[in-house]
């Protein structure tokens, strides 16, 4: 990392939806650090995601 640069943290909401699924798969393949997903239903998180991204249940109003 360059001097003065910082690592951005990413939180993707709706990760198990149509677009979110594609974005999450790309992030896993690219090995993006600090990539986090938020979903309403943790049961929808695919098994192979659980080892590759931080995930949590969230509700947005």
PDB file of N, CA and C in Angstrom:
ATOM      1  N   UNK A   1       0.838  -1.170   0.000  1.00  0.00           N
ATOM      2  CA  UNK A   1       0.000   0.000   0.000  1.00  0.00           C
ATOM      3  C   UNK A   1       0.889   1.240   0.000  1.00  0.00           C
ATOM      4  N   UNK A   2       0.496   2.238  -0.759  1.00  0.00           N
ATOM      5  CA  UNK A   2       1.273   3.468  -0.846  1.00  0.00           C
ATOM      6  C   UNK A   2       1.196   4.257   0.450  1.00  0.00           C
ATOM      7  N   UNK A   3       2.246   5.028   0.702  1.00  0.00           N
ATOM      8  CA  UNK A   3       2.268   5.878   1.887  1.00  0.00           C
ATOM      9  C   UNK A   3       1.116   6.881   1.812  1.00  0.00           C
ATOM     10  N   UNK A   4       0.385   7.003   2.894  1.00  0.00           N
ATOM     11  CA  UNK A   4      -0.747   7.915   2.932  1.00  0.00           C
ATOM     12  C   UNK A   4      -2.044   7.309   2.431  1.00  0.00           C
ATOM     13  N   UNK A   5      -1.974   6.111   1.865  1.00  0.00           N
ATOM     14  CA  UNK A   5      -3.190   5.445   1.384  1.00  0.00           C
ATOM     15  C   UNK A   5      -3.868   4.731   2.544  1.00  0.00           C
ATOM     16  N   UNK A   6      -5.137   4.475   2.399  1.00  0.00           N
ATOM     17  CA  UNK A   6      -5.864   3.761   3.439  1.00  0.00           C
ATOM     18  C   UNK A   6      -6.705   2.658   2.809  1.00  0.00           C
ATOM     19  N   UNK A   7      -7.036   1.677   3.604  1.00  0.00           N
ATOM     20  CA  UNK A   7      -7.853   0.557   3.154  1.00  0.00           C
ATOM     21  C   UNK A   7      -9.319   0.882   3.411  1.00  0.00           C
ATOM     22  N   UNK A   8     -10.129   0.851   2.374  1.00  0.00           N
ATOM     23  CA  UNK A   8     -11.549   1.129   2.509  1.00  0.00           C
ATOM     24  C   UNK A   8     -12.281  -0.120   2.992  1.00  0.00           C
ATOM     25  N   UNK A   9     -13.235   0.063   3.882  1.00  0.00           N
ATOM     26  CA  UNK A   9     -14.091  -1.025   4.333  1.00  0.00           C
ATOM     27  C   UNK A   9     -15.398  -0.942   3.557  1.00  0.00           C
ATOM     28  N   UNK A  10     -15.897  -2.089   3.120  1.00  0.00           N
ATOM     29  CA  UNK A  10     -17.101  -2.130   2.297  1.00  0.00           C
ATOM     30  C   UNK A  10     -18.180  -2.926   3.006  1.00  0.00           C
ATOM     31  N   UNK A  11     -19.403  -2.382   3.028  1.00  0.00           N
ATOM     32  CA  UNK A  11     -20.572  -3.105   3.512  1.00  0.00           C
ATOM     33  C   UNK A  11     -21.584  -3.124   2.380  1.00  0.00           C
ATOM     34  N   UNK A  12     -21.880  -4.310   1.876  1.00  0.00           N
ATOM     35  CA  UNK A  12     -22.868  -4.480   0.817  1.00  0.00           C
ATOM     36  C   UNK A  12     -24.164  -4.966   1.442  1.00  0.00           C
ATOM     37  N   UNK A  13     -25.218  -4.168   1.319  1.00  0.00           N
ATOM     38  CA  UNK A  13     -26.524  -4.598   1.805  1.00  0.00           C
ATOM     39  C   UNK A  13     -27.257  -5.276   0.657  1.00  0.00           C
ATOM     40  N   UNK A  14     -28.124  -6.209   0.992  1.00  0.00           N
ATOM     41  CA  UNK A  14     -28.863  -6.930  -0.041  1.00  0.00           C
ATOM     42  C   UNK A  14     -27.988  -7.900  -0.813  1.00  0.00           C
ATOM     43  N   UNK A  15     -27.012  -8.475  -0.153  1.00  0.00           N
ATOM     44  CA  UNK A  15     -26.027  -9.324  -0.823  1.00  0.00           C
ATOM     45  C   UNK A  15     -26.614 -10.601  -1.409  1.00  0.00           C
ATOM     46  N   UNK A  16     -27.727 -11.079  -0.894  1.00  0.00           N
ATOM     47  CA  UNK A  16     -28.315 -12.316  -1.426  1.00  0.00           C
ATOM     48  C   UNK A  16     -29.337 -12.044  -2.521  1.00  0.00           C
ATOM     49  N   UNK A  17     -29.511 -10.791  -2.891  1.00  0.00           N
ATOM     50  CA  UNK A  17     -30.398 -10.440  -3.999  1.00  0.00           C
ATOM     51  C   UNK A  17     -29.709 -10.677  -5.335  1.00  0.00           C
ATOM     52  N   UNK A  18     -30.409 -10.349  -6.418  1.00  0.00           N
ATOM     53  CA  UNK A  18     -29.884 -10.611  -7.767  1.00  0.00           C
ATOM     54  C   UNK A  18     -28.548  -9.910  -8.017  1.00  0.00           C
ATOM     55  N   UNK A  19     -28.515  -8.607  -7.867  1.00  0.00           N
ATOM     56  CA  UNK A  19     -27.282  -7.855  -8.119  1.00  0.00           C
ATOM     57  C   UNK A  19     -26.237  -8.108  -7.035  1.00  0.00           C
ATOM     58  N   UNK A  20     -26.680  -8.170  -5.783  1.00  0.00           N
ATOM     59  CA  UNK A  20     -25.762  -8.400  -4.675  1.00  0.00           C
ATOM     60  C   UNK A  20     -25.007  -9.712  -4.778  1.00  0.00           C
ATOM     61  N   UNK A  21     -25.683 -10.741  -5.289  1.00  0.00           N
ATOM     62  CA  UNK A  21     -25.038 -12.047  -5.472  1.00  0.00           C
ATOM     63  C   UNK A  21     -23.865 -11.938  -6.439  1.00  0.00           C
ATOM     64  N   UNK A  22     -24.070 -11.236  -7.550  1.00  0.00           N
ATOM     65  CA  UNK A  22     -22.997 -11.082  -8.537  1.00  0.00           C
ATOM     66  C   UNK A  22     -21.835 -10.260  -7.974  1.00  0.00           C
ATOM     67  N   UNK A  23     -22.158  -9.196  -7.267  1.00  0.00           N
ATOM     68  CA  UNK A  23     -21.113  -8.352  -6.681  1.00  0.00           C
ATOM     69  C   UNK A  23     -20.307  -9.133  -5.645  1.00  0.00           C
ATOM     70  N   UNK A  24     -20.994  -9.900  -4.808  1.00  0.00           N
ATOM     71  CA  UNK A  24     -20.304 -10.684  -3.776  1.00  0.00           C
ATOM     72  C   UNK A  24     -19.395 -11.732  -4.402  1.00  0.00           C
ATOM     73  N   UNK A  25     -19.878 -12.420  -5.433  1.00  0.00           N
ATOM     74  CA  UNK A  25     -19.042 -13.422  -6.110  1.00  0.00           C
ATOM     75  C   UNK A  25     -17.791 -12.777  -6.702  1.00  0.00           C
ATOM     76  N   UNK A  26     -17.940 -11.606  -7.313  1.00  0.00           N
ATOM     77  CA  UNK A  26     -16.776 -10.904  -7.869  1.00  0.00           C
ATOM     78  C   UNK A  26     -15.801 -10.480  -6.776  1.00  0.00           C
ATOM     79  N   UNK A  27     -16.321 -10.017  -5.654  1.00  0.00           N
ATOM     80  CA  UNK A  27     -15.464  -9.599  -4.540  1.00  0.00           C
ATOM     81  C   UNK A  27     -14.682 -10.783  -3.977  1.00  0.00           C
ATOM     82  N   UNK A  28     -15.329 -11.945  -3.898  1.00  0.00           N
ATOM     83  CA  UNK A  28     -14.644 -13.144  -3.406  1.00  0.00           C
ATOM     84  C   UNK A  28     -13.538 -13.548  -4.375  1.00  0.00           C
ATOM     85  N   UNK A  29     -13.843 -13.558  -5.667  1.00  0.00           N
ATOM     86  CA  UNK A  29     -12.834 -13.931  -6.672  1.00  0.00           C
ATOM     87  C   UNK A  29     -11.662 -12.955  -6.679  1.00  0.00           C
ATOM     88  N   UNK A  30     -11.954 -11.666  -6.453  1.00  0.00           N
ATOM     89  CA  UNK A  30     -10.906 -10.640  -6.437  1.00  0.00           C
ATOM     90  C   UNK A  30     -10.186 -10.567  -5.093  1.00  0.00           C
ATOM     91  N   UNK A  31     -10.662 -11.339  -4.125  1.00  0.00           N
ATOM     92  CA  UNK A  31     -10.086 -11.371  -2.779  1.00  0.00           C
ATOM     93  C   UNK A  31      -9.991  -9.978  -2.152  1.00  0.00           C
ATOM     94  N   UNK A  32     -11.092  -9.254  -2.239  1.00  0.00           N
ATOM     95  CA  UNK A  32     -11.149  -7.913  -1.669  1.00  0.00           C
ATOM     96  C   UNK A  32     -11.163  -8.013  -0.150  1.00  0.00           C
ATOM     97  N   UNK A  33     -10.256  -7.298   0.488  1.00  0.00           N
ATOM     98  CA  UNK A  33     -10.183  -7.300   1.950  1.00  0.00           C
ATOM     99  C   UNK A  33     -11.243  -6.366   2.508  1.00  0.00           C
ATOM    100  N   UNK A  34     -11.655  -6.621   3.726  1.00  0.00           N
ATOM    101  CA  UNK A  34     -12.659  -5.801   4.411  1.00  0.00           C
ATOM    102  C   UNK A  34     -13.953  -5.674   3.620  1.00  0.00           C
ATOM    103  N   UNK A  35     -14.371  -6.774   2.982  1.00  0.00           N
ATOM    104  CA  UNK A  35     -15.651  -6.825   2.270  1.00  0.00           C
ATOM    105  C   UNK A  35     -16.648  -7.525   3.177  1.00  0.00           C
ATOM    106  N   UNK A  36     -17.694  -6.815   3.545  1.00  0.00           N
ATOM    107  CA  UNK A  36     -18.699  -7.332   4.474  1.00  0.00           C
ATOM    108  C   UNK A  36     -20.061  -7.305   3.805  1.00  0.00           C
ATOM    109  N   UNK A  37     -20.891  -8.284   4.142  1.00  0.00           N
ATOM    110  CA  UNK A  37     -22.238  -8.301   3.584  1.00  0.00           C
ATOM    111  C   UNK A  37     -23.273  -8.251   4.697  1.00  0.00           C
ATOM    112  N   UNK A  38     -24.372  -7.601   4.396  1.00  0.00           N
ATOM    113  CA  UNK A  38     -25.502  -7.546   5.309  1.00  0.00           C
ATOM    114  C   UNK A  38     -26.716  -8.144   4.631  1.00  0.00           C
ATOM    115  N   UNK A  39     -27.382  -9.043   5.313  1.00  0.00           N
ATOM    116  CA  UNK A  39     -28.560  -9.714   4.759  1.00  0.00           C
ATOM    117  C   UNK A  39     -29.662  -9.754   5.809  1.00  0.00           C
ATOM    118  N   UNK A  40     -30.910  -9.874   5.360  1.00  0.00           N
ATOM    119  CA  UNK A  40     -32.015 -10.015   6.307  1.00  0.00           C
ATOM    120  C   UNK A  40     -32.075 -11.432   6.860  1.00  0.00           C
ATOM    121  N   UNK A  41     -31.803 -12.418   6.007  1.00  0.00           N
ATOM    122  CA  UNK A  41     -31.937 -13.819   6.393  1.00  0.00           C
ATOM    123  C   UNK A  41     -30.588 -14.524   6.229  1.00  0.00           C
ATOM    124  N   UNK A  42     -29.940 -14.848   7.340  1.00  0.00           N
ATOM    125  CA  UNK A  42     -28.623 -15.494   7.280  1.00  0.00           C
ATOM    126  C   UNK A  42     -28.672 -16.876   6.638  1.00  0.00           C
ATOM    127  N   UNK A  43     -29.838 -17.507   6.616  1.00  0.00           N
ATOM    128  CA  UNK A  43     -29.969 -18.829   5.999  1.00  0.00           C
ATOM    129  C   UNK A  43     -29.775 -18.768   4.486  1.00  0.00           C
ATOM    130  N   UNK A  44     -29.916 -17.599   3.892  1.00  0.00           N
ATOM    131  CA  UNK A  44     -29.742 -17.446   2.446  1.00  0.00           C
ATOM    132  C   UNK A  44     -28.284 -17.268   2.032  1.00  0.00           C
ATOM    133  N   UNK A  45     -27.394 -17.101   2.999  1.00  0.00           N
ATOM    134  CA  UNK A  45     -25.973 -16.917   2.685  1.00  0.00           C
ATOM    135  C   UNK A  45     -25.392 -18.262   2.255  1.00  0.00           C
ATOM    136  N   UNK A  46     -24.883 -18.352   1.005  1.00  0.00           N
ATOM    137  CA  UNK A  46     -24.296 -19.611   0.538  1.00  0.00           C
ATOM    138  C   UNK A  46     -23.117 -20.048   1.411  1.00  0.00           C
ATOM    139  N   UNK A  47     -22.950 -21.339   1.544  1.00  0.00           N
ATOM    140  CA  UNK A  47     -21.911 -21.905   2.403  1.00  0.00           C
ATOM    141  C   UNK A  47     -20.520 -21.394   2.043  1.00  0.00           C
ATOM    142  N   UNK A  48     -20.190 -21.337   0.758  1.00  0.00           N
ATOM    143  CA  UNK A  48     -18.829 -20.916   0.379  1.00  0.00           C
ATOM    144  C   UNK A  48     -18.576 -19.438   0.648  1.00  0.00           C
ATOM    145  N   UNK A  49     -19.606 -18.648   0.861  1.00  0.00           N
ATOM    146  CA  UNK A  49     -19.409 -17.250   1.222  1.00  0.00           C
ATOM    147  C   UNK A  49     -18.975 -17.124   2.667  1.00  0.00           C
ATOM    148  N   UNK A  50     -19.458 -18.013   3.512  1.00  0.00           N
ATOM    149  CA  UNK A  50     -19.244 -17.887   4.958  1.00  0.00           C
ATOM    150  C   UNK A  50     -17.766 -17.901   5.339  1.00  0.00           C
ATOM    151  N   UNK A  51     -16.941 -18.568   4.553  1.00  0.00           N
ATOM    152  CA  UNK A  51     -15.505 -18.617   4.829  1.00  0.00           C
ATOM    153  C   UNK A  51     -14.746 -17.464   4.172  1.00  0.00           C
ATOM    154  N   UNK A  52     -15.413 -16.734   3.280  1.00  0.00           N
ATOM    155  CA  UNK A  52     -14.713 -15.726   2.490  1.00  0.00           C
ATOM    156  C   UNK A  52     -15.101 -14.281   2.766  1.00  0.00           C
ATOM    157  N   UNK A  53     -16.250 -14.059   3.368  1.00  0.00           N
ATOM    158  CA  UNK A  53     -16.682 -12.692   3.678  1.00  0.00           C
ATOM    159  C   UNK A  53     -17.282 -12.646   5.072  1.00  0.00           C
ATOM    160  N   UNK A  54     -17.181 -11.493   5.680  1.00  0.00           N
ATOM    161  CA  UNK A  54     -17.833 -11.280   6.966  1.00  0.00           C
ATOM    162  C   UNK A  54     -19.309 -11.022   6.682  1.00  0.00           C
ATOM    163  N   UNK A  55     -20.192 -11.668   7.428  1.00  0.00           N
ATOM    164  CA  UNK A  55     -21.622 -11.527   7.172  1.00  0.00           C
ATOM    165  C   UNK A  55     -22.382 -11.323   8.474  1.00  0.00           C
ATOM    166  N   UNK A  56     -23.449 -10.546   8.374  1.00  0.00           N
ATOM    167  CA  UNK A  56     -24.281 -10.309   9.551  1.00  0.00           C
ATOM    168  C   UNK A  56     -25.708 -10.014   9.112  1.00  0.00           C
ATOM    169  N   UNK A  57     -26.615 -10.258  10.031  1.00  0.00           N
ATOM    170  CA  UNK A  57     -28.025  -9.981   9.795  1.00  0.00           C
ATOM    171  C   UNK A  57     -28.287  -8.520  10.130  1.00  0.00           C
ATOM    172  N   UNK A  58     -28.905  -7.805   9.191  1.00  0.00           N
ATOM    173  CA  UNK A  58     -29.218  -6.401   9.434  1.00  0.00           C
ATOM    174  C   UNK A  58     -30.629  -6.100   8.953  1.00  0.00           C
ATOM    175  N   UNK A  59     -31.211  -5.101   9.541  1.00  0.00           N
ATOM    176  CA  UNK A  59     -32.525  -4.607   9.108  1.00  0.00           C
ATOM    177  C   UNK A  59     -32.411  -3.098   8.958  1.00  0.00           C
ATOM    178  N   UNK A  60     -32.736  -2.627   7.787  1.00  0.00           N
ATOM    179  CA  UNK A  60     -32.705  -1.191   7.510  1.00  0.00           C
ATOM    180  C   UNK A  60     -34.137  -0.688   7.402  1.00  0.00           C
ATOM    181  N   UNK A  61     -34.394   0.445   7.999  1.00  0.00           N
ATOM    182  CA  UNK A  61     -35.746   1.014   7.952  1.00  0.00           C
ATOM    183  C   UNK A  61     -35.761   2.257   7.108  1.00  0.00           C
TER     184      UNK A  61
END
